[in-house]
C-alpha atoms as a PDB file:
ATOM      1  CA  MET A   1      63.351 110.067  80.932  1.00  0.00           C
ATOM      2  CA  ASN A   2      65.961 108.685  83.310  1.00  0.00           C
ATOM      3  CA  ASN A   3      64.380 107.015  86.384  1.00  0.00           C
ATOM      4  CA  THR A   4      67.638 106.175  88.160  1.00  0.00           C
ATOM      5  CA  ARG A   5      67.907 107.586  91.661  1.00  0.00           C
ATOM      6  CA  LYS A   6      70.710 110.077  92.189  1.00  0.00           C
ATOM      7  CA  SER A   7      73.286 109.339  94.840  1.00  0.00           C
ATOM      8  CA  PHE A   8      73.537 111.323  98.056  1.00  0.00           C
ATOM      9  CA  LEU A   9      76.637 113.050  96.707  1.00  0.00           C
ATOM     10  CA  GLN A  10      74.813 114.082  93.516  1.00  0.00           C
ATOM     11  CA  ARG A  11      71.944 115.533  95.562  1.00  0.00           C
ATOM     12  CA  LEU A  12      74.394 117.214  97.951  1.00  0.00           C
ATOM     13  CA  THR A  13      76.295 118.898  95.113  1.00  0.00           C
ATOM     14  CA  GLY A  14      73.083 120.071  93.471  1.00  0.00           C
ATOM     15  CA  SER A  15      72.932 117.810  90.428  1.00  0.00           C
ATOM     16  CA  PHE A  16      69.317 116.662  90.776  1.00  0.00           C
ATOM     17  CA  LYS A  17      65.900 117.405  89.292  1.00  0.00           C
ATOM     18  CA  GLU A  18      63.562 120.163  90.540  1.00  0.00           C
ATOM     19  CA  GLU A  19      60.978 117.711  91.898  1.00  0.00           C
ATOM     20  CA  ASP A  20      63.737 116.038  93.930  1.00  0.00           C
ATOM     21  CA  GLU A  21      64.672 119.455  95.288  1.00  0.00           C
ATOM     22  CA  GLU A  22      61.075 120.076  96.384  1.00  0.00           C
ATOM     23  CA  ALA A  23      60.904 116.717  98.171  1.00  0.00           C
ATOM     24  CA  ILE A  24      64.214 117.338  99.939  1.00  0.00           C
ATOM     25  CA  GLU A  25      63.087 120.831 101.001  1.00  0.00           C
ATOM     26  CA  LYS A  26      59.808 119.459 102.422  1.00  0.00           C
ATOM     27  CA  MET A  27      61.711 116.754 104.318  1.00  0.00           C
ATOM     28  CA  SER A  28      64.120 119.381 105.687  1.00  0.00           C
ATOM     29  CA  GLN A  29      61.205 121.530 106.875  1.00  0.00           C
ATOM     30  CA  VAL A  30      59.626 118.574 108.670  1.00  0.00           C
ATOM     31  CA  ASN A  31      62.964 117.703 110.295  1.00  0.00           C
ATOM     32  CA  ARG A  32      63.602 121.302 111.379  1.00  0.00           C
ATOM     33  CA  LYS A  33      60.081 121.556 112.794  1.00  0.00           C
ATOM     34  CA  SER A  34      60.387 118.234 114.636  1.00  0.00           C
ATOM     35  CA  PHE A  35      63.791 118.995 116.152  1.00  0.00           C
ATOM     36  CA  SER A  36      62.934 122.570 117.126  1.00  0.00           C
ATOM     37  CA  SER A  37      59.705 121.538 118.824  1.00  0.00           C
ATOM     38  CA  LEU A  38      61.452 118.680 120.613  1.00  0.00           C
ATOM     39  CA  ASN A  39      63.979 121.149 122.009  1.00  0.00           C
ATOM     40  CA  SER A  40      61.451 123.872 122.920  1.00  0.00           C
ATOM     41  CA  ARG A  41      58.597 121.734 124.255  1.00  0.00           C
ATOM     42  CA  ASP A  42      56.361 123.533 126.740  1.00  0.00           C
ATOM     43  CA  ILE A  43      55.883 121.902 130.157  1.00  0.00           C
ATOM     44  CA  ASP A  44      52.108 122.451 129.904  1.00  0.00           C
ATOM     45  CA  ASP A  45      51.786 120.144 126.886  1.00  0.00           C
ATOM     46  CA  ASP A  46      49.708 117.008 127.389  1.00  0.00           C
ATOM     47  CA  ASP A  47      51.658 113.778 127.859  1.00  0.00           C
ATOM     48  CA  GLU A  48      49.832 112.211 124.903  1.00  0.00           C
ATOM     49  CA  ASP A  49      50.975 115.013 122.589  1.00  0.00           C
ATOM     50  CA  LYS A  50      54.619 114.911 123.617  1.00  0.00           C
ATOM     51  CA  ASP A  51      55.830 112.735 120.728  1.00  0.00           C
ATOM     52  CA  ILE A  52      53.475 114.056 118.032  1.00  0.00           C
ATOM     53  CA  GLU A  53      54.525 116.771 115.606  1.00  0.00           C
ATOM     54  CA  GLU A  54      52.369 118.528 113.039  1.00  0.00           C
ATOM     55  CA  ASP A  55      53.104 118.755 109.315  1.00  0.00           C
ATOM     56  CA  GLU A  56      52.235 121.800 107.185  1.00  0.00           C
ATOM     57  CA  ASP A  57      48.816 120.337 106.393  1.00  0.00           C
ATOM     58  CA  ASP A  58      48.165 119.755 110.157  1.00  0.00           C
ATOM     59  CA  SER A  59      48.426 115.977 109.870  1.00  0.00           C
ATOM     60  CA  PRO A  60      50.314 114.532 112.840  1.00  0.00           C
ATOM     61  CA  ILE A  61      53.723 112.945 112.344  1.00  0.00           C
ATOM     62  CA  ALA A  62      54.689 110.453 115.052  1.00  0.00           C
ATOM     63  CA  VAL A  63      58.230 110.778 116.333  1.00  0.00           C
ATOM     64  CA  GLU A  64      59.412 107.316 117.332  1.00  0.00           C
ATOM     65  CA  GLY A  65      62.912 106.252 118.230  1.00  0.00           C
ATOM     66  CA  GLN A  66      64.624 103.402 116.425  1.00  0.00           C
ATOM     67  CA  LEU A  67      66.109 100.814 118.734  1.00  0.00           C
ATOM     68  CA  GLY A  68      69.748  99.939 118.083  1.00  0.00           C
ATOM     69  CA  ILE A  69      70.520  96.215 118.041  1.00  0.00           C
ATOM     70  CA  ASP A  70      73.329  93.711 117.646  1.00  0.00           C
ATOM     71  CA  LEU A  71      72.250  90.636 115.663  1.00  0.00           C
ATOM     72  CA  PHE A  72      74.558  87.675 115.157  1.00  0.00           C
ATOM     73  CA  GLU A  73      74.258  83.948 114.768  1.00  0.00           C
ATOM     74  CA  THR A  74      75.886  80.743 115.847  1.00  0.00           C
ATOM     75  CA  GLN A  75      75.390  77.318 114.315  1.00  0.00           C
ATOM     76  CA  LEU A  76      72.424  76.729 116.603  1.00  0.00           C
ATOM     77  CA  GLU A  77      70.748  80.095 117.152  1.00  0.00           C
ATOM     78  CA  VAL A  78      70.238  83.708 116.125  1.00  0.00           C
ATOM     79  CA  ILE A  79      71.037  86.105 118.953  1.00  0.00           C
ATOM     80  CA  VAL A  80      69.746  89.669 119.247  1.00  0.00           C
ATOM     81  CA  LYS A  81      71.013  92.100 121.898  1.00  0.00           C
ATOM     82  CA  THR A  82      69.794  95.589 122.641  1.00  0.00           C
ATOM     83  CA  MET A  83      70.104  98.122 125.447  1.00  0.00           C
ATOM     84  CA  ILE A  84      66.840  99.061 127.155  1.00  0.00           C
ATOM     85  CA  PRO A  85      67.827 100.806 130.416  1.00  0.00           C
ATOM     86  CA  GLY A  86      64.988 102.603 132.123  1.00  0.00           C
ATOM     87  CA  VAL A  87      62.322 100.513 130.385  1.00  0.00           C
ATOM     88  CA  ARG A  88      60.059  98.345 132.511  1.00  0.00           C
ATOM     89  CA  LYS A  89      59.543  94.762 131.348  1.00  0.00           C
ATOM     90  CA  GLU A  90      55.794  95.459 131.089  1.00  0.00           C
ATOM     91  CA  ASP A  91      56.528  98.229 128.557  1.00  0.00           C
ATOM     92  CA  ILE A  92      58.312  95.906 126.098  1.00  0.00           C
ATOM     93  CA  ASP A  93      56.449  94.049 123.333  1.00  0.00           C
ATOM     94  CA  ILE A  94      58.329  91.420 121.332  1.00  0.00           C
ATOM     95  CA  SER A  95      56.648  89.985 118.232  1.00  0.00           C
ATOM     96  CA  LEU A  96      58.311  87.043 116.560  1.00  0.00           C
ATOM     97  CA  SER A  97      57.537  84.998 113.465  1.00  0.00           C
ATOM     98  CA  ARG A  98      59.780  82.426 111.830  1.00  0.00           C
ATOM     99  CA  ASP A  99      61.675  85.071 109.864  1.00  0.00           C
ATOM    100  CA  MET A 100      60.782  88.502 111.357  1.00  0.00           C
ATOM    101  CA  LEU A 101      61.343  90.152 114.733  1.00  0.00           C
ATOM    102  CA  THR A 102      59.773  93.331 116.097  1.00  0.00           C
ATOM    103  CA  ILE A 103      60.705  94.888 119.423  1.00  0.00           C
ATOM    104  CA  ARG A 104      58.547  97.778 120.634  1.00  0.00           C
ATOM    105  CA  GLY A 105      58.620  99.647 123.889  1.00  0.00           C
ATOM    106  CA  GLU A 106      58.351 102.893 125.720  1.00  0.00           C
ATOM    107  CA  ARG A 107      60.717 104.735 128.008  1.00  0.00           C
ATOM    108  CA  LYS A 108      58.529 106.920 130.212  1.00  0.00           C
ATOM    109  CA  ASP A 109      59.763 110.304 131.375  1.00  0.00           C
ATOM    110  CA  GLU A 110      59.081 111.265 134.972  1.00  0.00           C
ATOM    111  CA  LYS A 111      57.676 114.787 134.677  1.00  0.00           C
ATOM    112  CA  THR A 112      59.198 115.925 137.984  1.00  0.00           C
ATOM    113  CA  ILE A 113      61.619 118.490 136.528  1.00  0.00           C
ATOM    114  CA  ALA A 114      60.557 121.654 134.704  1.00  0.00           C
ATOM    115  CA  GLU A 115      61.861 122.016 131.136  1.00  0.00           C
ATOM    116  CA  ASP A 116      63.518 125.342 132.036  1.00  0.00           C
ATOM    117  CA  ASP A 117      65.654 123.604 134.682  1.00  0.00           C
ATOM    118  CA  TYR A 118      67.429 121.371 132.132  1.00  0.00           C
ATOM    119  CA  HIS A 119      70.865 122.352 130.853  1.00  0.00           C
ATOM    120  CA  TYR A 120      71.173 119.258 128.620  1.00  0.00           C
ATOM    121  CA  ARG A 121      68.369 117.027 127.430  1.00  0.00           C
ATOM    122  CA  GLU A 122      69.897 114.212 125.361  1.00  0.00           C
ATOM    123  CA  LEU A 123      68.202 111.049 126.592  1.00  0.00           C
ATOM    124  CA  TYR A 124      65.415 109.612 124.472  1.00  0.00           C
ATOM    125  CA  TRP A 125      61.999 109.418 126.135  1.00  0.00           C
ATOM    126  CA  GLY A 126      58.988 107.956 124.382  1.00  0.00           C
ATOM    127  CA  THR A 127      58.166 105.029 122.164  1.00  0.00           C
ATOM    128  CA  PHE A 128      60.704 103.086 120.165  1.00  0.00           C
ATOM    129  CA  SER A 129      60.661 100.080 117.878  1.00  0.00           C
ATOM    130  CA  ARG A 130      62.779  97.971 115.592  1.00  0.00           C
ATOM    131  CA  THR A 131      61.747  95.384 113.008  1.00  0.00           C
ATOM    132  CA  VAL A 132      64.306  93.158 111.324  1.00  0.00           C
ATOM    133  CA  LYS A 133      64.214  90.261 108.913  1.00  0.00           C
ATOM    134  CA  LEU A 134      66.053  87.377 110.491  1.00  0.00           C
ATOM    135  CA  PRO A 135      68.886  85.696 108.538  1.00  0.00           C
ATOM    136  CA  HIS A 136      67.407  82.212 109.185  1.00  0.00           C
ATOM    137  CA  GLU A 137      64.041  80.797 110.135  1.00  0.00           C
ATOM    138  CA  VAL A 138      63.759  80.318 113.892  1.00  0.00           C
ATOM    139  CA  ASP A 139      61.764  78.065 116.191  1.00  0.00           C
ATOM    140  CA  ILE A 140      59.380  80.537 117.854  1.00  0.00           C
ATOM    141  CA  ASP A 141      58.273  77.995 120.483  1.00  0.00           C
ATOM    142  CA  ARG A 142      61.795  77.644 121.906  1.00  0.00           C
ATOM    143  CA  ALA A 143      62.774  81.339 121.726  1.00  0.00           C
ATOM    144  CA  GLU A 144      63.847  83.043 124.962  1.00  0.00           C
ATOM    145  CA  ALA A 145      64.099  86.682 126.060  1.00  0.00           C
ATOM    146  CA  THR A 146      66.120  87.715 129.116  1.00  0.00           C
ATOM    147  CA  GLU A 147      67.057  91.091 130.588  1.00  0.00           C
ATOM    148  CA  SER A 148      70.018  91.835 132.824  1.00  0.00           C
ATOM    149  CA  GLN A 149      71.275  95.296 133.831  1.00  0.00           C
ATOM    150  CA  GLY A 150      69.445  96.967 130.931  1.00  0.00           C
ATOM    151  CA  MET A 151      70.635  94.485 128.282  1.00  0.00           C
ATOM    152  CA  LEU A 152      67.829  92.594 126.521  1.00  0.00           C
ATOM    153  CA  THR A 153      69.036  89.333 124.970  1.00  0.00           C
ATOM    154  CA  LEU A 154      66.905  87.236 122.635  1.00  0.00           C
ATOM    155  CA  ARG A 155      67.994  83.682 121.881  1.00  0.00           C
ATOM    156  CA  LEU A 156      66.210  82.352 118.811  1.00  0.00           C
ATOM    157  CA  PRO A 157      66.977  78.697 117.969  1.00  0.00           C
ATOM    158  CA  ARG A 158      67.549  78.198 114.247  1.00  0.00           C
ATOM    159  CA  ILE A 159      65.439  75.735 112.284  1.00  0.00           C
ATOM    160  CA  ASP A 160      67.712  73.224 110.625  1.00  0.00           C
ATOM    161  CA  ARG A 161      66.324  72.699 107.118  1.00  0.00           C
ATOM    162  CA  GLU A 162      69.102  70.213 106.301  1.00  0.00           C
ATOM    163  CA  ARG A 163      68.269  67.936 109.229  1.00  0.00           C
ATOM    164  CA  LYS A 164      66.977  64.521 108.227  1.00  0.00           C
ATOM    165  CA  ALA A 165      65.494  61.732 110.268  1.00  0.00           C
ATOM    166  CA  SER A 166      64.539  58.172 109.496  1.00  0.00           C
ATOM    167  CA  LEU A 167      61.273  56.743 110.712  1.00  0.00           C
ATOM    168  CA  LYS A 168      60.601  53.130 111.634  1.00  0.00           C
ATOM    169  CA  VAL A 169      57.258  51.629 110.777  1.00  0.00           C
ATOM    170  CA  LYS A 170      55.401  50.317 113.788  1.00  0.00           C
ATOM    171  CA  GLY A 171      52.864  47.537 113.608  1.00  0.00           C
ATOM    172  CA  MET A 172      49.262  48.130 114.573  1.00  0.00           C
END
């Protein structure tokens, strides 16, 4: 039995096992259901149910956006930038450990316009998140987050593992 995973091209051209085909078909059904219900959402739906879809077995599937980021580093810090226009500062949650970063938030839709009045509906409304493993350990006590014109910038000072210091012995 060969346990190697087939490439996207192999699956696309049809050279995959039957159980893979069943999994891909189920995933396609979930995606079709999610996208069609996002596009044909009824205005009478509850706000809490707006980003919840149902699977075939009636278990809810949360639809959450993934936040796009730029992550780069200098000799002194790791810098993360992301666009968050339309998101209030109170609706952003940033969790940071020495080597992991999670940004969560919510862009709230103002329900002032009826769904039938839209010609295009392309903006993302709802919850979003992004978790990344940082390329270096960072000093969480000196980290800073700033927002300007919809751009969130995180400055995470790197921990210098190569840094050495000499101590002098003091008398008591």
